Amino acid sequence: MFNFKEIGIDLGSYSIKIATIEKQDRFNSLNLKLIHLRKHEVYNVDCEPYTEKYYQLLKDCIKKFSKKYKIKLLSINISIPVDKQISNVTFFNMPIVGDKLLNDGVSFEAEEKMASEGISNSHYAWKISNEYEELSEYEILLSTVRKDVISALSQFKSITWKLNRFLLQPILLERVVSSNDVIIDLGHKSTRIYIYTKGKLSKVETIETGGQHLLSNIEEYIKNNVTYNDNNINAKDIIKSISIYNERIQDNFPYETSPLLEKQDNNNAKIDEAQDSLSYQDDDEYKDQVKHVDYNNELILELSKLISKDTDRLIDEIKRIIRMYELENGLNIDEVYYVGELSKLTYFKESIESELDIELKPVDVLNTINDDENAFLYAMAGLVSMDPHLKDNTDFVKYIRSNIDYTLIIIGLLTLSLSVGLSLKKVDKKYDIIRDNLNEIINEQNQTTRQLEDNMNEINKDINNNDKFINRMESLSNEKKWLSDILYVIPDKTPITIAIKQMEIIDKKVVLTGYSSNYSSVGFFANELEKIGEVNINSISDYNNGDGEIYSVTMDTPELISDDFKATKLFTITLNYNNQLLEH
């Protein structure tokens, strides 16, 4: 009915990126349909993320974007990274059970998991990540977002803005990978490692080192060591001229041509490029902040070595996380991708490649007419707005409710329609849009009310199933205890005419192999075992004495042992779980 324009927003602590995309029929190297990057802007963040000022900045950015490109009706799709404070991803296992029991079990386990990991005041969403049939278990992916973030985004819903999707980045990036892959998000506040097994997210690691840390160290160094600062050197400008110092890379260059000692005209060329990349800024005064500065090569070299201490630690930690995952799971990583603005730091990507011995690829799902090398920076904004009707169980948009009281608007429109009468037909088209939007909102509210009533009925029904689930969990626990208790009980149940040769636990069953002096002893033994489980006598055969005589008892003087204890039969008995064996 209404032509809402899909826009993608990549929320970050350093910048907010907004983009519109257009899908094409051609495919790229990731076997994804190419997304043609259309309108795109990046806005710097100059405040603490996820505060009232931050949300006001986000609202202003959306308004600027819609005004610049003349988009009136917006369908907003948002992605945010994982930082363990605002949002998080964790995993736990559940037995394979029916949908009702599974929902109840996940609710219980999710609350326990969030409490144990210190996640409070958060909404959660989940989905089945993997199914392990041999263990009869599901691996559940649990994602969380703090409630105040959801509440703040609810303020954005209006007649002309609707929120369509709100996903965490590592889950969103499942659309990029297909095998055992790693995506490194080189962010501003931290570095995130997303590991995927067979295309499914299986591990998230956060390293508390990012671009902000490097900038802080550069600022501190300039403050304490640069006595001349006529050019107003600041960290955000000079870092564009700094290269990562890595011995494995530097050894390929003679000292005179080292990338760390580039000529000043190259520095200025980089600054020109940085200045061009700021063309999205409407404020000319902001552009003037990037100037042609003749940086001292010795200063550049010192700063390169300074930040290399941190980048070396960061690279070592990335390598450790990836190699440890490979060892723990007995697999090799197929591809390593990267996103994030820190990747633009000269020779940083190459330094990571030299340590991992694998080529790093950008999350390149965007196609541009001008082959913009910075297009991959909009990958998140493009991905989150792809296929707007595609659903994901971990989409938090279901928690974002409208925060507008439409009652006065509806009353005002009804009054206006009564007083104006037939002249209402001459009202401008924009009022038709408002009226139709209000009708659509009323329908959505009615549907929401009915859905809530249905949900309440389902909850009342599900309460009665909680005891069943708890009993099932206790039964599984008792079964595990039973297997361990067998080791204590079997010796007391074994008659003196029986000798146990071997005990195995196979598929949660206890298989006993032993010797007996006669048939009746085996029968007596089986009767005793019936008291602790379900018994099946698999076989009784004559014992071949090829290995020598065997007795069920031992003495220092074996010649005194009676033939009543001589093994003449070989038997196998299977013992199945029946009930809890011992009280704990």
Protein backbone atom coordinates (compact mmCIF):
# COMPACT_ATOMS: atom_id res chain seq x y z
CA MET A 1 0.00 0.00 0.00
CA PHE A 2 2.75 2.44 0.99
CA ASN A 3 6.12 2.76 -0.64
CA PHE A 4 8.40 2.51 2.39
CA LYS A 5 12.08 2.69 1.47
CA GLU A 6 14.32 0.09 3.10
CA ILE A 7 17.42 1.59 4.74
CA GLY A 8 20.13 -0.23 6.67
CA ILE A 9 21.83 1.25 9.73
CA ASP A 10 25.09 -0.06 11.16
CA LEU A 11 25.30 1.22 14.74
CA GLY A 12 28.83 1.71 16.04
CA SER A 13 30.61 3.53 18.83
CA TYR A 14 32.84 5.47 16.39
CA SER A 15 30.46 6.03 13.48
CA ILE A 16 26.92 5.40 12.30
CA LYS A 17 26.59 4.15 8.73
CA ILE A 18 23.34 4.39 6.77
CA ALA A 19 22.82 2.92 3.31
CA THR A 20 20.23 1.89 0.77
CA ILE A 21 20.87 -1.03 -1.55
CA GLU A 22 19.54 -2.68 -4.66
CA LYS A 23 19.86 -6.41 -5.31
CA GLN A 24 21.19 -7.66 -8.62
CA ASP A 25 20.90 -11.02 -10.38
CA ARG A 26 24.67 -11.52 -10.63
CA PHE A 27 26.62 -13.31 -7.89
CA ASN A 28 29.94 -12.48 -6.22
CA SER A 29 32.72 -14.66 -4.81
CA LEU A 30 30.67 -15.38 -1.67
CA ASN A 31 27.88 -16.85 -3.83
CA LEU A 32 25.57 -14.08 -2.67
CA LYS A 33 23.50 -11.95 -4.96
CA LEU A 34 25.39 -8.71 -5.44
CA ILE A 35 23.96 -5.82 -3.53
CA HIS A 36 24.35 -2.59 -5.42
CA LEU A 37 25.28 0.16 -2.98
CA ARG A 38 23.13 3.18 -3.66
CA LYS A 39 22.72 6.07 -1.24
CA HIS A 40 25.14 5.89 1.65
CA GLU A 41 26.44 8.16 4.41
CA VAL A 42 28.64 7.80 7.47
CA TYR A 43 28.27 10.04 10.51
CA ASN A 44 30.88 10.42 13.24
CA VAL A 45 29.92 9.68 16.83
CA ASP A 46 31.10 12.34 19.28
CA CYS A 47 29.39 11.07 22.44
CA GLU A 48 29.18 8.01 24.66
CA PRO A 49 27.40 5.20 22.78
CA TYR A 50 23.89 4.14 23.81
CA THR A 51 23.16 7.23 25.87
CA GLU A 52 20.35 9.76 25.46
CA LYS A 53 22.69 11.98 23.44
CA TYR A 54 23.64 9.02 21.22
CA TYR A 55 20.00 8.23 20.38
CA GLN A 56 19.36 11.89 19.60
CA LEU A 57 22.39 11.82 17.28
CA LEU A 58 21.01 8.69 15.59
CA LYS A 59 17.62 10.34 15.09
CA ASP A 60 19.30 13.46 13.63
CA CYS A 61 21.38 11.28 11.28
CA ILE A 62 18.27 9.52 9.97
CA LYS A 63 16.54 12.87 9.46
CA LYS A 64 19.54 14.27 7.57
CA PHE A 65 19.74 11.16 5.42
CA SER A 66 16.03 11.18 4.55
CA LYS A 67 16.09 14.92 3.87
CA LYS A 68 19.20 14.78 1.66
CA TYR A 69 17.84 11.94 -0.48
CA LYS A 70 14.19 13.03 -0.26
CA ILE A 71 12.89 9.81 1.32
CA LYS A 72 9.66 10.35 3.25
CA LEU A 73 8.65 6.85 4.30
CA LEU A 74 11.42 4.82 5.94
CA SER A 75 11.58 1.14 6.82
CA ILE A 76 14.52 1.01 9.24
CA ASN A 77 16.76 -2.07 9.60
CA ILE A 78 19.42 -1.95 12.35
CA SER A 79 22.47 -4.06 13.19
CA ILE A 80 24.65 -3.70 16.29
CA PRO A 81 27.89 -5.45 17.30
CA VAL A 82 28.36 -7.66 20.35
CA ASP A 83 30.11 -5.93 23.25
CA LYS A 84 29.01 -8.01 26.30
CA GLN A 85 27.58 -4.87 27.94
CA ILE A 86 24.78 -3.81 25.62
CA SER A 87 24.43 -7.04 23.66
CA ASN A 88 25.75 -10.56 23.89
CA VAL A 89 25.66 -14.00 22.28
CA THR A 90 26.08 -17.24 24.25
CA PHE A 91 25.34 -20.95 23.78
CA PHE A 92 23.97 -23.86 25.81
CA ASN A 93 22.76 -27.41 25.10
CA MET A 94 19.26 -28.83 25.55
CA PRO A 95 17.85 -32.35 25.15
CA ILE A 96 15.92 -32.94 21.92
CA VAL A 97 12.30 -32.71 23.06
CA GLY A 98 8.96 -31.48 21.68
CA ASP A 99 8.32 -27.84 20.88
CA LYS A 100 6.36 -27.12 24.05
CA LEU A 101 8.96 -28.66 26.36
CA LEU A 102 11.71 -27.02 24.37
CA ASN A 103 10.19 -23.55 24.75
CA ASP A 104 9.76 -24.06 28.48
CA GLY A 105 13.24 -25.47 28.84
CA VAL A 106 14.88 -22.65 26.90
CA SER A 107 13.03 -20.07 29.01
CA PHE A 108 14.36 -21.69 32.17
CA GLU A 109 17.90 -22.21 30.85
CA ALA A 110 18.04 -18.68 29.36
CA GLU A 111 17.22 -17.09 32.71
CA GLU A 112 19.82 -19.28 34.43
CA LYS A 113 22.44 -18.54 31.77
CA MET A 114 21.85 -14.79 31.90
CA ALA A 115 22.04 -14.80 35.69
CA SER A 116 25.28 -16.82 35.73
CA GLU A 117 26.94 -14.51 33.18
CA GLY A 118 25.77 -11.30 34.86
CA ILE A 119 23.36 -10.30 32.08
CA SER A 120 20.58 -8.26 33.66
CA ASN A 121 17.70 -6.08 32.46
CA SER A 122 17.89 -7.60 28.99
CA HIS A 123 15.51 -9.07 26.45
CA TYR A 124 16.56 -12.39 24.94
CA ALA A 125 15.90 -14.21 21.68
CA TRP A 126 17.02 -17.71 20.68
CA LYS A 127 17.17 -20.26 17.91
CA ILE A 128 18.48 -23.79 17.35
CA SER A 129 22.02 -23.42 16.08
CA ASN A 130 22.95 -27.10 15.68
CA GLU A 131 21.42 -30.52 16.26
CA TYR A 132 23.59 -33.36 17.55
CA GLU A 133 21.64 -36.56 16.93
CA GLU A 134 24.29 -38.82 18.46
CA LEU A 135 23.98 -36.91 21.76
CA SER A 136 20.22 -36.29 21.42
CA GLU A 137 20.89 -32.59 22.05
CA TYR A 138 20.27 -29.20 20.49
CA GLU A 139 22.81 -26.41 20.63
CA ILE A 140 20.83 -23.26 21.43
CA LEU A 141 22.08 -19.81 20.37
CA LEU A 142 20.96 -17.22 22.92
CA SER A 143 21.21 -13.51 22.02
CA THR A 144 20.50 -10.66 24.43
CA VAL A 145 20.03 -6.89 24.16
CA ARG A 146 19.64 -4.53 27.08
CA LYS A 147 16.05 -3.40 27.64
CA ASP A 148 16.87 0.32 27.69
CA VAL A 149 18.21 0.04 24.11
CA ILE A 150 14.93 -1.51 22.97
CA SER A 151 12.99 1.17 24.84
CA ALA A 152 15.04 3.98 23.26
CA LEU A 153 14.54 2.62 19.74
CA SER A 154 10.78 2.45 20.37
CA GLN A 155 10.82 6.26 20.33
CA PHE A 156 11.75 6.10 16.63
CA LYS A 157 8.48 4.56 15.51
CA SER A 158 6.22 7.12 13.90
CA ILE A 159 3.75 7.49 11.08
CA THR A 160 6.53 7.83 8.50
CA TRP A 161 9.18 5.65 10.20
CA LYS A 162 8.75 1.97 10.92
CA LEU A 163 11.29 -0.43 12.44
CA ASN A 164 11.52 -3.59 10.36
CA ARG A 165 14.56 -5.48 11.71
CA PHE A 166 17.01 -5.34 14.64
CA LEU A 167 19.74 -8.02 14.58
CA LEU A 168 23.12 -8.65 16.20
CA GLN A 169 26.01 -8.54 13.73
CA PRO A 170 27.45 -12.06 14.21
CA ILE A 171 24.03 -13.60 13.53
CA LEU A 172 23.51 -11.32 10.54
CA LEU A 173 26.88 -12.42 9.13
CA GLU A 174 25.69 -16.05 8.90
CA ARG A 175 24.38 -14.93 5.51
CA VAL A 176 27.98 -14.44 4.33
CA VAL A 177 29.71 -17.65 5.45
CA SER A 178 29.09 -21.21 4.27
CA SER A 179 31.75 -23.43 5.89
CA ASN A 180 34.26 -23.31 8.77
CA ASP A 181 34.97 -19.60 8.58
CA VAL A 182 36.07 -16.71 10.79
CA ILE A 183 35.02 -13.06 10.59
CA ILE A 184 37.20 -10.51 12.39
CA ASP A 185 35.39 -7.29 13.28
CA LEU A 186 38.12 -4.69 13.80
CA GLY A 187 35.96 -2.20 15.68
CA HIS A 188 36.56 1.07 17.51
CA LYS A 189 36.01 0.04 21.13
CA SER A 190 36.97 -3.63 20.77
CA THR A 191 37.81 -6.41 18.32
CA ARG A 192 35.31 -9.21 17.89
CA ILE A 193 36.05 -12.72 16.58
CA TYR A 194 33.03 -14.52 15.11
CA ILE A 195 33.66 -18.23 14.41
CA TYR A 196 31.30 -20.27 12.24
CA THR A 197 31.12 -24.06 11.89
CA LYS A 198 29.44 -25.32 8.71
CA GLY A 199 28.02 -21.85 8.19
CA LYS A 200 26.49 -21.59 11.67
CA LEU A 201 27.69 -19.24 14.39
CA SER A 202 29.38 -21.34 17.07
CA LYS A 203 31.63 -18.98 19.06
CA VAL A 204 31.99 -15.26 19.80
CA GLU A 205 35.12 -13.82 21.39
CA THR A 206 35.76 -10.18 22.32
CA ILE A 207 39.24 -8.63 22.64
CA GLU A 208 39.21 -5.34 24.54
CA THR A 209 41.52 -3.59 22.08
CA GLY A 210 40.31 -1.46 19.18
CA GLY A 211 40.86 1.78 17.33
CA GLN A 212 39.94 3.84 20.39
CA HIS A 213 42.82 2.29 22.33
CA LEU A 214 45.35 3.12 19.60
CA LEU A 215 44.11 6.70 19.28
CA SER A 216 44.36 7.15 23.04
CA ASN A 217 47.99 5.97 23.06
CA ILE A 218 48.87 8.28 20.15
CA GLU A 219 47.25 11.26 21.89
CA GLU A 220 49.18 10.51 25.07
CA TYR A 221 52.47 10.22 23.17
CA ILE A 222 51.95 13.51 21.29
CA LYS A 223 51.01 15.27 24.52
CA ASN A 224 54.15 14.11 26.35
CA ASN A 225 56.75 14.05 23.55
CA VAL A 226 55.88 16.55 20.81
CA THR A 227 57.08 19.94 21.97
CA TYR A 228 56.32 21.60 18.65
CA ASN A 229 52.69 21.40 17.68
CA ASP A 230 52.19 24.40 15.44
CA ASN A 231 50.19 22.26 13.07
CA ASN A 232 47.80 21.12 15.82
CA ILE A 233 48.66 17.45 15.33
CA ASN A 234 45.88 15.18 16.56
CA ALA A 235 45.58 11.42 16.68
CA LYS A 236 42.67 11.08 14.23
CA ASP A 237 44.64 12.88 11.50
CA ILE A 238 48.12 11.50 11.99
CA ILE A 239 46.98 7.88 12.24
CA LYS A 240 46.12 8.08 8.52
CA SER A 241 49.86 8.40 7.84
CA ILE A 242 51.00 5.61 10.17
CA SER A 243 51.88 2.13 8.97
CA ILE A 244 51.95 -0.97 11.14
CA TYR A 245 55.51 -2.07 11.85
CA ASN A 246 55.78 -5.80 11.21
CA GLU A 247 59.17 -7.45 10.75
CA ARG A 248 57.90 -10.15 8.38
CA ILE A 249 56.60 -7.42 6.08
CA GLN A 250 59.42 -4.89 6.56
CA ASP A 251 62.07 -7.47 5.64
CA ASN A 252 60.75 -7.33 2.08
CA PHE A 253 61.74 -3.67 1.76
CA PRO A 254 65.15 -1.94 1.88
CA TYR A 255 65.39 0.71 4.58
CA GLU A 256 65.27 3.58 2.09
CA THR A 257 61.93 2.42 0.67
CA SER A 258 60.38 1.15 3.90
CA PRO A 259 56.62 1.74 4.03
CA LEU A 260 57.26 3.36 7.42
CA LEU A 261 59.36 6.11 5.79
CA GLU A 262 57.14 7.20 2.92
CA LYS A 263 57.84 10.55 1.37
CA GLN A 264 55.83 13.49 2.55
CA ASP A 265 53.94 13.81 -0.72
CA ASN A 266 52.54 10.31 -0.07
CA ASN A 267 51.41 11.46 3.36
CA ASN A 268 49.63 14.39 1.78
CA ALA A 269 48.12 12.10 -0.83
CA LYS A 270 46.69 9.97 1.97
CA ILE A 271 45.24 13.05 3.62
CA ASP A 272 43.73 14.11 0.27
CA GLU A 273 42.10 10.71 0.08
CA ALA A 274 40.84 11.02 3.66
CA GLN A 275 39.49 14.47 2.87
CA ASP A 276 37.67 13.12 -0.17
CA SER A 277 36.16 10.35 1.94
CA LEU A 278 34.57 13.05 4.10
CA SER A 279 32.57 14.41 1.18
CA TYR A 280 29.40 13.18 2.85
CA GLN A 281 29.77 15.88 5.53
CA ASP A 282 27.45 18.83 5.08
CA ASP A 283 29.57 20.98 7.38
CA ASP A 284 32.48 22.57 5.47
CA GLU A 285 34.09 23.51 8.75
CA TYR A 286 34.43 19.81 9.56
CA LYS A 287 36.24 19.20 6.27
CA ASP A 288 38.74 21.90 7.13
CA GLN A 289 39.82 19.83 10.12
CA VAL A 290 41.77 17.59 7.68
CA LYS A 291 44.73 19.65 6.53
CA HIS A 292 47.93 19.20 4.57
CA VAL A 293 50.47 18.69 7.32
CA ASP A 294 54.15 17.91 6.82
CA TYR A 295 54.57 15.27 9.47
CA ASN A 296 58.08 14.49 10.59
CA ASN A 297 59.12 11.05 9.33
CA GLU A 298 60.83 10.25 12.62
CA LEU A 299 57.62 11.00 14.48
CA ILE A 300 55.69 8.73 12.11
CA LEU A 301 58.22 5.97 12.70
CA GLU A 302 58.02 6.36 16.49
CA LEU A 303 54.24 6.27 16.43
CA SER A 304 54.34 3.22 14.16
CA LYS A 305 56.48 1.38 16.69
CA LEU A 306 54.29 2.67 19.53
CA ILE A 307 50.99 1.31 18.22
CA SER A 308 52.71 -1.84 16.96
CA LYS A 309 53.08 -2.97 20.57
CA ASP A 310 49.30 -3.03 20.86
CA THR A 311 48.63 -4.38 17.39
CA ASP A 312 51.14 -7.19 17.95
CA ARG A 313 49.28 -8.22 21.12
CA LEU A 314 45.99 -7.95 19.26
CA ILE A 315 47.25 -10.11 16.38
CA ASP A 316 48.66 -12.70 18.82
CA GLU A 317 45.30 -12.89 20.59
CA ILE A 318 43.43 -13.29 17.29
CA LYS A 319 45.82 -16.08 16.30
CA ARG A 320 45.47 -17.79 19.70
CA ILE A 321 41.65 -17.76 19.58
CA ILE A 322 41.50 -19.20 16.06
CA ARG A 323 44.17 -21.87 16.60
CA MET A 324 42.64 -22.93 19.93
CA TYR A 325 39.24 -23.36 18.30
CA GLU A 326 40.77 -25.48 15.55
CA LEU A 327 42.48 -27.73 18.12
CA GLU A 328 39.42 -28.07 20.37
CA ASN A 329 37.15 -29.02 17.48
CA GLY A 330 39.58 -30.96 15.28
CA LEU A 331 39.05 -28.83 12.17
CA ASN A 332 40.79 -26.28 9.97
CA ILE A 333 39.44 -22.81 9.26
CA ASP A 334 38.57 -22.44 5.57
CA GLU A 335 38.24 -18.66 5.15
CA VAL A 336 38.95 -15.58 7.24
CA TYR A 337 36.99 -12.39 6.51
CA TYR A 338 37.24 -8.95 8.06
CA VAL A 339 35.13 -5.85 8.60
CA GLY A 340 35.65 -2.65 10.56
CA GLU A 341 37.34 0.69 10.07
CA LEU A 342 40.55 -0.33 11.85
CA SER A 343 41.29 -2.58 8.87
CA LYS A 344 42.14 0.56 6.87
CA LEU A 345 45.27 1.04 8.99
CA THR A 346 48.15 0.59 6.55
CA TYR A 347 49.65 -2.93 6.56
CA PHE A 348 47.47 -4.05 9.48
CA LYS A 349 45.59 -6.60 7.36
CA GLU A 350 48.85 -7.84 5.86
CA SER A 351 50.34 -8.27 9.35
CA ILE A 352 47.42 -10.46 10.43
CA GLU A 353 47.77 -12.49 7.22
CA SER A 354 51.48 -13.04 7.86
CA GLU A 355 50.74 -14.51 11.31
CA LEU A 356 47.78 -16.66 10.30
CA ASP A 357 49.32 -17.73 6.97
CA ILE A 358 45.97 -17.22 5.29
CA GLU A 359 44.57 -14.51 3.06
CA LEU A 360 42.07 -12.16 4.69
CA LYS A 361 39.06 -11.22 2.59
CA PRO A 362 36.72 -8.28 3.16
CA VAL A 363 33.05 -9.01 3.75
CA ASP A 364 32.48 -7.92 0.18
CA VAL A 365 28.79 -8.15 -0.62
CA LEU A 366 28.42 -4.67 -2.11
CA ASN A 367 28.90 -3.70 -5.72
CA THR A 368 29.58 -0.10 -6.68
CA ILE A 369 29.77 1.64 -10.02
CA ASN A 370 32.92 3.55 -9.10
CA ASP A 371 34.63 0.56 -7.41
CA ASP A 372 34.79 2.47 -4.14
CA GLU A 373 37.39 0.68 -2.00
CA ASN A 374 35.54 1.79 1.13
CA ALA A 375 32.30 0.14 0.03
CA PHE A 376 32.91 -2.86 2.29
CA LEU A 377 32.51 -0.50 5.28
CA TYR A 378 28.78 -0.48 4.46
CA ALA A 379 28.53 -4.28 4.41
CA MET A 380 26.55 -4.43 7.67
CA ALA A 381 24.13 -1.71 6.61
CA GLY A 382 23.63 -3.51 3.29
CA LEU A 383 23.20 -6.98 4.78
CA VAL A 384 20.66 -5.96 7.41
CA SER A 385 18.40 -4.36 4.80
CA MET A 386 18.59 -7.34 2.40
CA ASP A 387 15.42 -9.38 1.93
CA PRO A 388 13.26 -7.27 4.27
CA HIS A 389 10.63 -10.03 4.52
CA LEU A 390 13.12 -12.72 5.62
CA LYS A 391 12.46 -13.68 9.23
CA ASP A 392 14.92 -14.68 11.95
CA ASN A 393 13.99 -15.91 15.42
CA THR A 394 16.67 -13.68 16.96
CA ASP A 395 15.18 -10.47 15.51
CA PHE A 396 14.62 -8.11 18.46
CA VAL A 397 12.19 -5.91 16.54
CA LYS A 398 9.38 -7.95 18.14
CA TYR A 399 10.18 -6.21 21.43
CA ILE A 400 10.02 -2.71 19.92
CA ARG A 401 6.55 -1.34 20.51
CA SER A 402 5.06 1.92 19.30
CA ASN A 403 5.49 4.74 21.80
CA ILE A 404 2.95 7.12 20.28
CA ASP A 405 -0.53 7.84 21.63
CA TYR A 406 -2.63 8.05 18.50
CA THR A 407 -5.92 8.76 20.30
CA LEU A 408 -5.80 12.55 19.95
CA ILE A 409 -4.75 12.27 16.31
CA ILE A 410 -7.63 9.94 15.54
CA ILE A 411 -10.16 12.17 17.37
CA GLY A 412 -8.80 15.22 15.56
CA LEU A 413 -9.14 13.55 12.17
CA LEU A 414 -12.67 12.37 12.92
CA THR A 415 -13.67 15.86 14.01
CA LEU A 416 -12.07 17.30 10.91
CA SER A 417 -13.88 14.84 8.67
CA LEU A 418 -17.28 15.70 10.26
CA SER A 419 -16.77 19.45 9.95
CA VAL A 420 -15.31 19.45 6.50
CA GLY A 421 -17.64 16.84 4.99
CA LEU A 422 -17.33 16.45 1.27
CA SER A 423 -14.43 18.91 1.12
CA LEU A 424 -12.25 16.20 2.68
CA LYS A 425 -11.78 14.80 -0.81
CA LYS A 426 -9.75 17.88 -1.68
CA VAL A 427 -7.26 17.41 1.15
CA ASP A 428 -3.66 17.06 0.02
CA LYS A 429 -2.34 13.54 -0.70
CA LYS A 430 -0.15 13.61 2.41
CA TYR A 431 -3.26 13.64 4.64
CA ASP A 432 -4.49 10.55 2.82
CA ILE A 433 -1.22 8.89 3.72
CA ILE A 434 -1.62 9.89 7.37
CA ARG A 435 -5.21 8.63 7.49
CA ASP A 436 -4.33 5.31 5.84
CA ASN A 437 -1.36 4.95 8.10
CA LEU A 438 -3.55 5.48 11.15
CA ASN A 439 -5.97 2.82 9.95
CA GLU A 440 -3.08 0.45 9.44
CA ILE A 441 -1.75 1.24 12.92
CA ILE A 442 -5.17 0.59 14.47
CA ASN A 443 -5.30 -2.78 12.71
CA GLU A 444 -1.80 -3.60 13.93
CA GLN A 445 -2.77 -2.66 17.49
CA ASN A 446 -5.86 -4.87 17.30
CA GLN A 447 -3.76 -7.73 15.97
CA THR A 448 -1.22 -7.13 18.74
CA THR A 449 -3.98 -7.22 21.36
CA ARG A 450 -5.35 -10.48 19.99
CA GLN A 451 -1.86 -11.91 19.84
CA LEU A 452 -1.22 -10.95 23.45
CA GLU A 453 -4.47 -12.65 24.49
CA ASP A 454 -3.46 -15.78 22.60
CA ASN A 455 -0.02 -15.64 24.19
CA MET A 456 -1.57 -15.39 27.66
CA ASN A 457 -3.70 -18.45 26.95
CA GLU A 458 -0.65 -20.33 25.72
CA ILE A 459 1.30 -19.30 28.82
CA ASN A 460 -1.48 -20.57 31.09
CA LYS A 461 -1.42 -23.88 29.26
CA ASP A 462 2.35 -24.08 29.34
CA ILE A 463 2.50 -23.59 33.10
CA ASN A 464 0.96 -27.03 33.51
CA ASN A 465 3.73 -28.54 31.37
CA ASN A 466 6.58 -27.18 33.50
CA ASP A 467 6.38 -30.05 35.98
CA LYS A 468 6.57 -32.55 33.14
CA PHE A 469 9.72 -30.93 31.81
CA ILE A 470 11.33 -30.77 35.25
CA ASN A 471 10.50 -34.44 35.84
CA ARG A 472 12.07 -35.31 32.49
CA MET A 473 15.25 -33.42 33.38
CA GLU A 474 15.36 -35.18 36.78
CA SER A 475 14.89 -38.52 35.01
CA LEU A 476 17.87 -37.82 32.74
CA SER A 477 19.93 -36.85 35.77
CA ASN A 478 18.92 -40.02 37.63
CA GLU A 479 19.86 -42.11 34.61
CA LYS A 480 23.39 -40.67 34.65
CA LYS A 481 23.65 -41.32 38.41
CA TRP A 482 22.47 -44.91 37.87
CA LEU A 483 25.35 -45.60 35.47
CA SER A 484 27.91 -44.45 38.04
CA ASP A 485 26.16 -46.29 40.92
CA ILE A 486 26.47 -49.59 39.05
CA LEU A 487 30.16 -49.66 39.93
CA TYR A 488 29.27 -49.69 43.61
CA VAL A 489 26.34 -52.12 43.53
CA ILE A 490 27.48 -54.87 41.13
CA PRO A 491 30.11 -56.40 43.49
CA ASP A 492 27.47 -56.97 46.24
CA LYS A 493 25.09 -58.60 43.75
CA THR A 494 27.70 -61.01 42.33
CA PRO A 495 27.60 -64.55 43.85
CA ILE A 496 30.83 -66.34 44.73
CA THR A 497 30.41 -68.74 41.81
CA ILE A 498 30.50 -65.86 39.30
CA ALA A 499 33.60 -64.02 38.04
CA ILE A 500 33.12 -60.77 36.09
CA LYS A 501 35.51 -60.62 33.14
CA GLN A 502 34.50 -57.27 31.57
CA MET A 503 32.03 -54.43 32.11
CA GLU A 504 31.15 -51.96 29.30
CA ILE A 505 28.74 -49.03 29.05
CA ILE A 506 27.33 -48.94 25.52
CA ASP A 507 24.55 -46.50 24.54
CA LYS A 508 23.66 -45.97 28.22
CA LYS A 509 23.44 -49.74 28.79
CA VAL A 510 25.73 -51.84 31.01
CA VAL A 511 27.06 -54.99 29.28
CA LEU A 512 28.58 -57.59 31.64
CA THR A 513 30.75 -60.48 30.42
CA GLY A 514 31.85 -63.15 32.90
CA TYR A 515 32.47 -66.77 33.89
CA SER A 516 30.21 -69.11 35.89
CA SER A 517 30.57 -72.57 37.31
CA ASN A 518 27.02 -73.57 36.21
CA TYR A 519 23.78 -72.39 34.62
CA SER A 520 21.94 -71.85 37.89
CA SER A 521 24.52 -69.32 39.09
CA VAL A 522 23.87 -67.20 36.00
CA GLY A 523 20.12 -67.39 36.67
CA PHE A 524 20.60 -66.41 40.31
CA PHE A 525 22.83 -63.49 39.25
CA ALA A 526 20.22 -62.32 36.73
CA ASN A 527 17.50 -62.40 39.42
CA GLU A 528 19.61 -60.20 41.66
CA LEU A 529 20.27 -57.74 38.83
CA GLU A 530 16.51 -57.47 38.18
CA LYS A 531 16.37 -55.45 41.41
CA ILE A 532 18.47 -52.63 39.88
CA GLY A 533 17.45 -52.63 36.21
CA GLU A 534 15.96 -54.47 33.27
CA VAL A 535 18.02 -57.62 32.54
CA ASN A 536 18.56 -59.44 29.27
CA ILE A 537 20.72 -62.62 29.19
CA ASN A 538 22.33 -62.33 25.78
CA SER A 539 24.26 -65.61 25.74
CA ILE A 540 25.52 -68.57 27.82
CA SER A 541 28.11 -70.84 26.25
CA ASP A 542 30.55 -73.53 27.37
CA TYR A 543 33.87 -72.09 28.38
CA ASN A 544 36.89 -73.19 26.33
CA ASN A 545 39.79 -73.86 28.69
CA GLY A 546 42.41 -72.99 26.10
CA ASP A 547 43.67 -70.17 28.31
CA GLY A 548 43.92 -72.39 31.35
CA GLU A 549 41.66 -73.12 34.30
CA ILE A 550 39.74 -70.15 35.74
CA TYR A 551 38.15 -70.08 39.19
CA SER A 552 35.73 -67.54 40.61
CA VAL A 553 37.73 -67.38 43.86
CA THR A 554 41.45 -67.16 44.54
CA MET A 555 43.62 -68.64 47.29
CA ASP A 556 47.29 -68.82 48.12
CA THR A 557 46.96 -72.61 47.77
CA PRO A 558 44.98 -73.05 44.53
CA GLU A 559 45.06 -76.86 44.83
CA LEU A 560 42.60 -76.53 47.69
CA ILE A 561 39.99 -74.66 45.60
CA SER A 562 36.87 -76.75 45.01
CA ASP A 563 35.66 -77.56 41.48
CA ASP A 564 32.42 -75.87 42.53
CA PHE A 565 34.17 -72.59 41.70
CA LYS A 566 35.69 -73.74 38.39
CA ALA A 567 34.50 -71.74 35.36
CA THR A 568 32.58 -73.93 32.91
CA LYS A 569 30.30 -71.33 31.32
CA LEU A 570 30.90 -67.98 29.55
CA PHE A 571 27.93 -65.54 29.64
CA THR A 572 26.92 -62.03 28.55
CA ILE A 573 24.18 -60.00 30.29
CA THR A 574 22.80 -56.57 29.34
CA LEU A 575 21.47 -54.29 32.10
CA ASN A 576 19.12 -51.41 31.16
CA TYR A 577 18.17 -48.41 33.29
CA ASN A 578 14.94 -48.92 35.24
CA ASN A 579 14.95 -46.43 38.09
CA GLN A 580 17.25 -44.45 40.37
CA LEU A 581 19.58 -46.86 42.11
CA LEU A 582 20.97 -45.07 45.15
CA GLU A 583 19.72 -42.09 47.13
CA HIS A 584 22.17 -39.14 46.92
